[in-house]
Structure formats: structure tokens, C-alpha cells
Amino acid sequence: MILNEKPKRWEGITGEDKALWAKTYPGCDIDQVLQEMIAYWDAQPKSKLKLNWKRTIVNRLKWLQDHGGTSRQAAQGPTPGTWLKRFKEKEAAK
């Protein structure tokens, strides 16, 4: 698995890889994350390029999953009233 410079795209990622990642990290849009990684690494100096891409991808997916994923709901932030609801619950518990 490598990130090909020209054209900028992933090579060697199979449908089985994507299916495994989607099952393991259900809060992440796998294709979106892979595309974002291309843009990110394109902006990095050549000395910062990774050699073990599979590990780098899995680390990124795990980080995103642990921090709310990439779903639209997570990107929009908390649902309206969530902060106020938690605040009132804390006040009631005092």
C-alpha cells in the first residue's frame, strides 16, 4: 500500500481493507479520511512522508473514532440543547 505521487491516489487498498476499517471504525467515513490524508501528506515536506501507510491509516481512523468520528452529526457539533440539558442536570444533582 502506497500513496502515489502522480496522480495523487492510494494504490494497494483493497475493498476488503475498506470493509474491515468500516466495521472496526463505524464512526468514520473511510473514503473521506483517505482523501483527507492525501491532501494532508501532499502539503508535508518529503522528509515527513511515512513508509508504513497501513499503520498510519489505522492510527488516524482510531484517533477519529475516539474523538467522535467523521459523521455529519459529529461535524455539526452537539445537538441543540445538549449543553443546557447537562447544565440543568448538574445543578439538580447539587
PDB file of N, CA and C in Angstrom:
ATOM      1  N   MET A   1       0.847  -1.160   0.000  1.00  0.00           N
ATOM      2  CA  MET A   1       0.000   0.000   0.000  1.00  0.00           C
ATOM      3  C   MET A   1       0.897   1.229   0.000  1.00  0.00           C
ATOM      4  N   ILE A   2       0.648   2.114  -0.956  1.00  0.00           N
ATOM      5  CA  ILE A   2       1.443   3.331  -1.039  1.00  0.00           C
ATOM      6  C   ILE A   2       0.559   4.497  -1.453  1.00  0.00           C
ATOM      7  N   LEU A   3       1.072   5.683  -1.214  1.00  0.00           N
ATOM      8  CA  LEU A   3       0.441   6.899  -1.699  1.00  0.00           C
ATOM      9  C   LEU A   3       1.220   7.301  -2.931  1.00  0.00           C
ATOM     10  N   ASN A   4       0.580   7.201  -4.091  1.00  0.00           N
ATOM     11  CA  ASN A   4       1.229   7.509  -5.351  1.00  0.00           C
ATOM     12  C   ASN A   4       1.265   9.009  -5.548  1.00  0.00           C
ATOM     13  N   GLU A   5       2.423   9.536  -5.924  1.00  0.00           N
ATOM     14  CA  GLU A   5       2.597  10.976  -6.098  1.00  0.00           C
ATOM     15  C   GLU A   5       1.831  11.518  -7.297  1.00  0.00           C
ATOM     16  N   LYS A   6       1.924  10.869  -8.435  1.00  0.00           N
ATOM     17  CA  LYS A   6       1.275  11.375  -9.651  1.00  0.00           C
ATOM     18  C   LYS A   6       0.587  10.237 -10.352  1.00  0.00           C
ATOM     19  N   PRO A   7      -0.694  10.222 -10.492  1.00  0.00           N
ATOM     20  CA  PRO A   7      -1.635  11.140  -9.859  1.00  0.00           C
ATOM     21  C   PRO A   7      -1.740  10.814  -8.369  1.00  0.00           C
ATOM     22  N   LYS A   8      -2.125  11.783  -7.594  1.00  0.00           N
ATOM     23  CA  LYS A   8      -2.211  11.597  -6.146  1.00  0.00           C
ATOM     24  C   LYS A   8      -3.380  10.676  -5.829  1.00  0.00           C
ATOM     25  N   ARG A   9      -3.050   9.456  -5.450  1.00  0.00           N
ATOM     26  CA  ARG A   9      -4.073   8.469  -5.114  1.00  0.00           C
ATOM     27  C   ARG A   9      -3.426   7.321  -4.353  1.00  0.00           C
ATOM     28  N   TRP A  10      -4.289   6.593  -3.667  1.00  0.00           N
ATOM     29  CA  TRP A  10      -3.839   5.404  -2.943  1.00  0.00           C
ATOM     30  C   TRP A  10      -3.754   4.243  -3.905  1.00  0.00           C
ATOM     31  N   GLU A  11      -2.743   3.419  -3.741  1.00  0.00           N
ATOM     32  CA  GLU A  11      -2.627   2.180  -4.507  1.00  0.00           C
ATOM     33  C   GLU A  11      -2.451   1.034  -3.535  1.00  0.00           C
ATOM     34  N   GLY A  12      -3.135  -0.053  -3.780  1.00  0.00           N
ATOM     35  CA  GLY A  12      -2.979  -1.236  -2.943  1.00  0.00           C
ATOM     36  C   GLY A  12      -4.019  -1.363  -1.850  1.00  0.00           C
ATOM     37  N   ILE A  13      -4.938  -0.416  -1.740  1.00  0.00           N
ATOM     38  CA  ILE A  13      -6.003  -0.540  -0.753  1.00  0.00           C
ATOM     39  C   ILE A  13      -7.139  -1.330  -1.402  1.00  0.00           C
ATOM     40  N   THR A  14      -7.463  -2.451  -0.796  1.00  0.00           N
ATOM     41  CA  THR A  14      -8.493  -3.319  -1.363  1.00  0.00           C
ATOM     42  C   THR A  14      -9.859  -3.015  -0.756  1.00  0.00           C
ATOM     43  N   GLY A  15     -10.878  -3.552  -1.393  1.00  0.00           N
ATOM     44  CA  GLY A  15     -12.220  -3.446  -0.838  1.00  0.00           C
ATOM     45  C   GLY A  15     -12.308  -4.138   0.510  1.00  0.00           C
ATOM     46  N   GLU A  16     -11.531  -5.210   0.679  1.00  0.00           N
ATOM     47  CA  GLU A  16     -11.500  -5.915   1.961  1.00  0.00           C
ATOM     48  C   GLU A  16     -10.896  -5.033   3.060  1.00  0.00           C
ATOM     49  N   ASP A  17      -9.853  -4.269   2.718  1.00  0.00           N
ATOM     50  CA  ASP A  17      -9.266  -3.334   3.691  1.00  0.00           C
ATOM     51  C   ASP A  17     -10.321  -2.330   4.138  1.00  0.00           C
ATOM     52  N   LYS A  18     -10.999  -1.720   3.165  1.00  0.00           N
ATOM     53  CA  LYS A  18     -12.015  -0.707   3.470  1.00  0.00           C
ATOM     54  C   LYS A  18     -13.169  -1.300   4.285  1.00  0.00           C
ATOM     55  N   ALA A  19     -13.580  -2.528   3.949  1.00  0.00           N
ATOM     56  CA  ALA A  19     -14.668  -3.175   4.692  1.00  0.00           C
ATOM     57  C   ALA A  19     -14.253  -3.431   6.139  1.00  0.00           C
ATOM     58  N   LEU A  20     -13.032  -3.883   6.342  1.00  0.00           N
ATOM     59  CA  LEU A  20     -12.525  -4.125   7.698  1.00  0.00           C
ATOM     60  C   LEU A  20     -12.481  -2.820   8.488  1.00  0.00           C
ATOM     61  N   TRP A  21     -11.962  -1.762   7.876  1.00  0.00           N
ATOM     62  CA  TRP A  21     -11.873  -0.474   8.562  1.00  0.00           C
ATOM     63  C   TRP A  21     -13.260   0.084   8.864  1.00  0.00           C
ATOM     64  N   ALA A  22     -14.197  -0.064   7.924  1.00  0.00           N
ATOM     65  CA  ALA A  22     -15.559   0.442   8.146  1.00  0.00           C
ATOM     66  C   ALA A  22     -16.227  -0.297   9.301  1.00  0.00           C
ATOM     67  N   LYS A  23     -15.969  -1.595   9.410  1.00  0.00           N
ATOM     68  CA  LYS A  23     -16.553  -2.377  10.504  1.00  0.00           C
ATOM     69  C   LYS A  23     -15.880  -2.044  11.837  1.00  0.00           C
ATOM     70  N   THR A  24     -14.587  -1.834  11.809  1.00  0.00           N
ATOM     71  CA  THR A  24     -13.831  -1.554  13.023  1.00  0.00           C
ATOM     72  C   THR A  24     -14.034  -0.123  13.517  1.00  0.00           C
ATOM     73  N   TYR A  25     -14.180   0.799  12.588  1.00  0.00           N
ATOM     74  CA  TYR A  25     -14.332   2.220  12.929  1.00  0.00           C
ATOM     75  C   TYR A  25     -15.630   2.754  12.312  1.00  0.00           C
ATOM     76  N   PRO A  26     -16.785   2.362  12.860  1.00  0.00           N
ATOM     77  CA  PRO A  26     -18.073   2.700  12.241  1.00  0.00           C
ATOM     78  C   PRO A  26     -18.385   4.197  12.224  1.00  0.00           C
ATOM     79  N   GLY A  27     -17.725   4.982  13.046  1.00  0.00           N
ATOM     80  CA  GLY A  27     -17.983   6.414  13.070  1.00  0.00           C
ATOM     81  C   GLY A  27     -17.215   7.187  12.011  1.00  0.00           C
ATOM     82  N   CYS A  28     -16.417   6.491  11.209  1.00  0.00           N
ATOM     83  CA  CYS A  28     -15.570   7.158  10.221  1.00  0.00           C
ATOM     84  C   CYS A  28     -16.028   6.864   8.798  1.00  0.00           C
ATOM     85  N   ASP A  29     -16.000   7.885   7.974  1.00  0.00           N
ATOM     86  CA  ASP A  29     -16.227   7.732   6.538  1.00  0.00           C
ATOM     87  C   ASP A  29     -14.859   7.421   5.933  1.00  0.00           C
ATOM     88  N   ILE A  30     -14.636   6.166   5.608  1.00  0.00           N
ATOM     89  CA  ILE A  30     -13.310   5.696   5.200  1.00  0.00           C
ATOM     90  C   ILE A  30     -12.797   6.446   3.978  1.00  0.00           C
ATOM     91  N   ASP A  31     -13.632   6.585   2.945  1.00  0.00           N
ATOM     92  CA  ASP A  31     -13.192   7.267   1.724  1.00  0.00           C
ATOM     93  C   ASP A  31     -12.833   8.723   1.999  1.00  0.00           C
ATOM     94  N   GLN A  32     -13.602   9.379   2.836  1.00  0.00           N
ATOM     95  CA  GLN A  32     -13.318  10.770   3.183  1.00  0.00           C
ATOM     96  C   GLN A  32     -11.993  10.890   3.911  1.00  0.00           C
ATOM     97  N   VAL A  33     -11.748  10.006   4.863  1.00  0.00           N
ATOM     98  CA  VAL A  33     -10.497  10.039   5.624  1.00  0.00           C
ATOM     99  C   VAL A  33      -9.303   9.792   4.701  1.00  0.00           C
ATOM    100  N   LEU A  34      -9.422   8.828   3.802  1.00  0.00           N
ATOM    101  CA  LEU A  34      -8.328   8.548   2.872  1.00  0.00           C
ATOM    102  C   LEU A  34      -8.035   9.756   1.995  1.00  0.00           C
ATOM    103  N   GLN A  35      -9.085  10.432   1.524  1.00  0.00           N
ATOM    104  CA  GLN A  35      -8.886  11.622   0.695  1.00  0.00           C
ATOM    105  C   GLN A  35      -8.234  12.748   1.492  1.00  0.00           C
ATOM    106  N   GLU A  36      -8.675  12.933   2.728  1.00  0.00           N
ATOM    107  CA  GLU A  36      -8.076  13.961   3.580  1.00  0.00           C
ATOM    108  C   GLU A  36      -6.601  13.674   3.829  1.00  0.00           C
ATOM    109  N   MET A  37      -6.268  12.392   3.978  1.00  0.00           N
ATOM    110  CA  MET A  37      -4.870  12.028   4.211  1.00  0.00           C
ATOM    111  C   MET A  37      -4.007  12.356   2.998  1.00  0.00           C
ATOM    112  N   ILE A  38      -4.555  12.193   1.801  1.00  0.00           N
ATOM    113  CA  ILE A  38      -3.796  12.562   0.595  1.00  0.00           C
ATOM    114  C   ILE A  38      -3.491  14.059   0.625  1.00  0.00           C
ATOM    115  N   ALA A  39      -4.508  14.866   0.910  1.00  0.00           N
ATOM    116  CA  ALA A  39      -4.313  16.322   0.937  1.00  0.00           C
ATOM    117  C   ALA A  39      -3.319  16.717   2.025  1.00  0.00           C
ATOM    118  N   TYR A  40      -3.436  16.086   3.194  1.00  0.00           N
ATOM    119  CA  TYR A  40      -2.528  16.407   4.301  1.00  0.00           C
ATOM    120  C   TYR A  40      -1.087  16.066   3.946  1.00  0.00           C
ATOM    121  N   TRP A  41      -0.850  14.857   3.460  1.00  0.00           N
ATOM    122  CA  TRP A  41       0.525  14.441   3.173  1.00  0.00           C
ATOM    123  C   TRP A  41       1.100  15.140   1.962  1.00  0.00           C
ATOM    124  N   ASP A  42       0.239  15.620   1.059  1.00  0.00           N
ATOM    125  CA  ASP A  42       0.711  16.385  -0.087  1.00  0.00           C
ATOM    126  C   ASP A  42       1.321  17.711   0.379  1.00  0.00           C
ATOM    127  N   ALA A  43       0.811  18.235   1.481  1.00  0.00           N
ATOM    128  CA  ALA A  43       1.295  19.512   1.999  1.00  0.00           C
ATOM    129  C   ALA A  43       2.538  19.367   2.875  1.00  0.00           C
ATOM    130  N   GLN A  44       2.937  18.152   3.184  1.00  0.00           N
ATOM    131  CA  GLN A  44       4.087  17.915   4.059  1.00  0.00           C
ATOM    132  C   GLN A  44       5.383  17.869   3.254  1.00  0.00           C
ATOM    133  N   PRO A  45       6.501  18.230   3.884  1.00  0.00           N
ATOM    134  CA  PRO A  45       7.796  18.071   3.205  1.00  0.00           C
ATOM    135  C   PRO A  45       8.079  16.587   2.960  1.00  0.00           C
ATOM    136  N   LYS A  46       8.822  16.317   1.939  1.00  0.00           N
ATOM    137  CA  LYS A  46       9.124  14.920   1.574  1.00  0.00           C
ATOM    138  C   LYS A  46       9.773  14.156   2.723  1.00  0.00           C
ATOM    139  N   SER A  47      10.502  14.839   3.577  1.00  0.00           N
ATOM    140  CA  SER A  47      11.175  14.158   4.684  1.00  0.00           C
ATOM    141  C   SER A  47      10.191  13.622   5.723  1.00  0.00           C
ATOM    142  N   LYS A  48       8.943  14.092   5.693  1.00  0.00           N
ATOM    143  CA  LYS A  48       7.951  13.651   6.675  1.00  0.00           C
ATOM    144  C   LYS A  48       7.059  12.530   6.137  1.00  0.00           C
ATOM    145  N   LEU A  49       7.289  12.079   4.924  1.00  0.00           N
ATOM    146  CA  LEU A  49       6.448  11.030   4.372  1.00  0.00           C
ATOM    147  C   LEU A  49       6.610   9.731   5.152  1.00  0.00           C
ATOM    148  N   LYS A  50       5.533   8.984   5.260  1.00  0.00           N
ATOM    149  CA  LYS A  50       5.512   7.732   6.011  1.00  0.00           C
ATOM    150  C   LYS A  50       5.866   6.565   5.103  1.00  0.00           C
ATOM    151  N   LEU A  51       6.352   5.518   5.707  1.00  0.00           N
ATOM    152  CA  LEU A  51       6.625   4.293   4.965  1.00  0.00           C
ATOM    153  C   LEU A  51       5.569   3.237   5.239  1.00  0.00           C
ATOM    154  N   ASN A  52       5.068   3.192   6.458  1.00  0.00           N
ATOM    155  CA  ASN A  52       4.075   2.192   6.820  1.00  0.00           C
ATOM    156  C   ASN A  52       2.677   2.835   6.756  1.00  0.00           C
ATOM    157  N   TRP A  53       2.137   2.921   5.543  1.00  0.00           N
ATOM    158  CA  TRP A  53       0.866   3.611   5.330  1.00  0.00           C
ATOM    159  C   TRP A  53      -0.297   2.939   6.029  1.00  0.00           C
ATOM    160  N   LYS A  54      -0.317   1.625   6.025  1.00  0.00           N
ATOM    161  CA  LYS A  54      -1.443   0.915   6.639  1.00  0.00           C
ATOM    162  C   LYS A  54      -1.539   1.268   8.131  1.00  0.00           C
ATOM    163  N   ARG A  55      -0.431   1.271   8.795  1.00  0.00           N
ATOM    164  CA  ARG A  55      -0.417   1.628  10.216  1.00  0.00           C
ATOM    165  C   ARG A  55      -0.835   3.085  10.411  1.00  0.00           C
ATOM    166  N   THR A  56      -0.366   3.963   9.542  1.00  0.00           N
ATOM    167  CA  THR A  56      -0.722   5.376   9.624  1.00  0.00           C
ATOM    168  C   THR A  56      -2.224   5.569   9.437  1.00  0.00           C
ATOM    169  N   ILE A  57      -2.813   4.862   8.482  1.00  0.00           N
ATOM    170  CA  ILE A  57      -4.252   4.965   8.227  1.00  0.00           C
ATOM    171  C   ILE A  57      -5.037   4.466   9.434  1.00  0.00           C
ATOM    172  N   VAL A  58      -4.654   3.309   9.956  1.00  0.00           N
ATOM    173  CA  VAL A  58      -5.358   2.742  11.108  1.00  0.00           C
ATOM    174  C   VAL A  58      -5.235   3.659  12.322  1.00  0.00           C
ATOM    175  N   ASN A  59      -4.057   4.231  12.543  1.00  0.00           N
ATOM    176  CA  ASN A  59      -3.888   5.167  13.657  1.00  0.00           C
ATOM    177  C   ASN A  59      -4.803   6.369  13.511  1.00  0.00           C
ATOM    178  N   ARG A  60      -4.917   6.893  12.294  1.00  0.00           N
ATOM    179  CA  ARG A  60      -5.785   8.052  12.059  1.00  0.00           C
ATOM    180  C   ARG A  60      -7.252   7.682  12.281  1.00  0.00           C
ATOM    181  N   LEU A  61      -7.673   6.529  11.753  1.00  0.00           N
ATOM    182  CA  LEU A  61      -9.061   6.095  11.937  1.00  0.00           C
ATOM    183  C   LEU A  61      -9.376   5.894  13.418  1.00  0.00           C
ATOM    184  N   LYS A  62      -8.444   5.302  14.154  1.00  0.00           N
ATOM    185  CA  LYS A  62      -8.663   5.093  15.592  1.00  0.00           C
ATOM    186  C   LYS A  62      -8.786   6.425  16.305  1.00  0.00           C
ATOM    187  N   TRP A  63      -7.919   7.374  15.978  1.00  0.00           N
ATOM    188  CA  TRP A  63      -7.981   8.680  16.614  1.00  0.00           C
ATOM    189  C   TRP A  63      -9.329   9.348  16.328  1.00  0.00           C
ATOM    190  N   LEU A  64      -9.754   9.320  15.076  1.00  0.00           N
ATOM    191  CA  LEU A  64     -11.041   9.928  14.719  1.00  0.00           C
ATOM    192  C   LEU A  64     -12.193   9.242  15.435  1.00  0.00           C
ATOM    193  N   GLN A  65     -12.175   7.906  15.476  1.00  0.00           N
ATOM    194  CA  GLN A  65     -13.235   7.150  16.140  1.00  0.00           C
ATOM    195  C   GLN A  65     -13.304   7.538  17.618  1.00  0.00           C
ATOM    196  N   ASP A  66     -12.156   7.651  18.260  1.00  0.00           N
ATOM    197  CA  ASP A  66     -12.106   8.001  19.680  1.00  0.00           C
ATOM    198  C   ASP A  66     -12.535   9.443  19.947  1.00  0.00           C
ATOM    199  N   HIS A  67     -12.511  10.281  18.913  1.00  0.00           N
ATOM    200  CA  HIS A  67     -12.862  11.689  19.069  1.00  0.00           C
ATOM    201  C   HIS A  67     -14.155  12.051  18.334  1.00  0.00           C
ATOM    202  N   GLY A  68     -15.036  11.100  18.161  1.00  0.00           N
ATOM    203  CA  GLY A  68     -16.352  11.409  17.601  1.00  0.00           C
ATOM    204  C   GLY A  68     -16.574  11.003  16.164  1.00  0.00           C
ATOM    205  N   GLY A  69     -15.573  10.506  15.489  1.00  0.00           N
ATOM    206  CA  GLY A  69     -15.764  10.041  14.120  1.00  0.00           C
ATOM    207  C   GLY A  69     -15.858  11.176  13.118  1.00  0.00           C
ATOM    208  N   THR A  70     -16.325  10.838  11.931  1.00  0.00           N
ATOM    209  CA  THR A  70     -16.432  11.820  10.852  1.00  0.00           C
ATOM    210  C   THR A  70     -17.862  11.982  10.375  1.00  0.00           C
ATOM    211  N   SER A  71     -18.807  11.470  11.136  1.00  0.00           N
ATOM    212  CA  SER A  71     -20.203  11.542  10.691  1.00  0.00           C
ATOM    213  C   SER A  71     -20.658  12.987  10.638  1.00  0.00           C
ATOM    214  N   ARG A  72     -21.683  13.239   9.873  1.00  0.00           N
ATOM    215  CA  ARG A  72     -22.207  14.605   9.732  1.00  0.00           C
ATOM    216  C   ARG A  72     -22.669  15.143  11.082  1.00  0.00           C
ATOM    217  N   GLN A  73     -23.279  14.315  11.885  1.00  0.00           N
ATOM    218  CA  GLN A  73     -23.758  14.768  13.190  1.00  0.00           C
ATOM    219  C   GLN A  73     -22.580  15.214  14.050  1.00  0.00           C
ATOM    220  N   ALA A  74     -21.494  14.473  14.030  1.00  0.00           N
ATOM    221  CA  ALA A  74     -20.322  14.852  14.813  1.00  0.00           C
ATOM    222  C   ALA A  74     -19.736  16.161  14.296  1.00  0.00           C
ATOM    223  N   ALA A  75     -19.755  16.351  12.962  1.00  0.00           N
ATOM    224  CA  ALA A  75     -19.209  17.567  12.384  1.00  0.00           C
ATOM    225  C   ALA A  75     -20.060  18.786  12.714  1.00  0.00           C
ATOM    226  N   GLN A  76     -21.351  18.595  12.921  1.00  0.00           N
ATOM    227  CA  GLN A  76     -22.251  19.695  13.222  1.00  0.00           C
ATOM    228  C   GLN A  76     -22.183  20.095  14.689  1.00  0.00           C
ATOM    229  N   GLY A  77     -21.572  19.293  15.495  1.00  0.00           N
ATOM    230  CA  GLY A  77     -21.474  19.602  16.910  1.00  0.00           C
ATOM    231  C   GLY A  77     -22.617  18.973  17.676  1.00  0.00           C
ATOM    232  N   PRO A  78     -22.724  19.302  18.942  1.00  0.00           N
ATOM    233  CA  PRO A  78     -23.760  18.692  19.766  1.00  0.00           C
ATOM    234  C   PRO A  78     -25.145  19.145  19.320  1.00  0.00           C
ATOM    235  N   THR A  79     -26.118  18.326  19.604  1.00  0.00           N
ATOM    236  CA  THR A  79     -27.485  18.682  19.240  1.00  0.00           C
ATOM    237  C   THR A  79     -27.937  19.861  20.084  1.00  0.00           C
ATOM    238  N   PRO A  80     -28.831  20.694  19.543  1.00  0.00           N
ATOM    239  CA  PRO A  80     -29.276  21.869  20.289  1.00  0.00           C
ATOM    240  C   PRO A  80     -29.837  21.475  21.659  1.00  0.00           C
ATOM    241  N   GLY A  81     -29.469  22.239  22.655  1.00  0.00           N
ATOM    242  CA  GLY A  81     -29.978  21.996  23.992  1.00  0.00           C
ATOM    243  C   GLY A  81     -29.164  21.013  24.812  1.00  0.00           C
ATOM    244  N   THR A  82     -28.191  20.367  24.218  1.00  0.00           N
ATOM    245  CA  THR A  82     -27.411  19.369  24.941  1.00  0.00           C
ATOM    246  C   THR A  82     -26.644  19.994  26.090  1.00  0.00           C
ATOM    247  N   TRP A  83     -25.966  21.094  25.842  1.00  0.00           N
ATOM    248  CA  TRP A  83     -25.197  21.756  26.895  1.00  0.00           C
ATOM    249  C   TRP A  83     -26.117  22.205  28.025  1.00  0.00           C
ATOM    250  N   LEU A  84     -27.232  22.822  27.649  1.00  0.00           N
ATOM    251  CA  LEU A  84     -28.170  23.317  28.654  1.00  0.00           C
ATOM    252  C   LEU A  84     -28.754  22.162  29.475  1.00  0.00           C
ATOM    253  N   LYS A  85     -29.041  21.061  28.802  1.00  0.00           N
ATOM    254  CA  LYS A  85     -29.585  19.889  29.491  1.00  0.00           C
ATOM    255  C   LYS A  85     -28.584  19.369  30.527  1.00  0.00           C
ATOM    256  N   ARG A  86     -27.310  19.250  30.129  1.00  0.00           N
ATOM    257  CA  ARG A  86     -26.284  18.779  31.060  1.00  0.00           C
ATOM    258  C   ARG A  86     -26.099  19.751  32.215  1.00  0.00           C
ATOM    259  N   PHE A  87     -26.151  21.054  31.928  1.00  0.00           N
ATOM    260  CA  PHE A  87     -26.004  22.069  32.955  1.00  0.00           C
ATOM    261  C   PHE A  87     -27.131  21.934  33.995  1.00  0.00           C
ATOM    262  N   LYS A  88     -28.358  21.770  33.512  1.00  0.00           N
ATOM    263  CA  LYS A  88     -29.505  21.647  34.423  1.00  0.00           C
ATOM    264  C   LYS A  88     -29.412  20.369  35.243  1.00  0.00           C
ATOM    265  N   GLU A  89     -28.939  19.278  34.634  1.00  0.00           N
ATOM    266  CA  GLU A  89     -28.773  18.027  35.362  1.00  0.00           C
ATOM    267  C   GLU A  89     -27.735  18.180  36.469  1.00  0.00           C
ATOM    268  N   LYS A  90     -26.641  18.899  36.192  1.00  0.00           N
ATOM    269  CA  LYS A  90     -25.620  19.118  37.215  1.00  0.00           C
ATOM    270  C   LYS A  90     -26.165  19.959  38.357  1.00  0.00           C
ATOM    271  N   GLU A  91     -26.918  20.984  37.989  1.00  0.00           N
ATOM    272  CA  GLU A  91     -27.498  21.853  39.003  1.00  0.00           C
ATOM    273  C   GLU A  91     -28.498  21.087  39.883  1.00  0.00           C
ATOM    274  N   ALA A  92     -29.294  20.241  39.280  1.00  0.00           N
ATOM    275  CA  ALA A  92     -30.287  19.450  40.017  1.00  0.00           C
ATOM    276  C   ALA A  92     -29.611  18.449  40.932  1.00  0.00           C
ATOM    277  N   ALA A  93     -28.431  17.964  40.550  1.00  0.00           N
ATOM    278  CA  ALA A  93     -27.721  16.966  41.349  1.00  0.00           C
ATOM    279  C   ALA A  93     -27.081  17.578  42.598  1.00  0.00           C
ATOM    280  N   LYS A  94     -26.898  18.895  42.608  1.00  0.00           N
ATOM    281  CA  LYS A  94     -26.249  19.551  43.758  1.00  0.00           C
ATOM    282  C   LYS A  94     -27.083  19.564  44.982  1.00  0.00           C
TER     283      LYS A  94
END
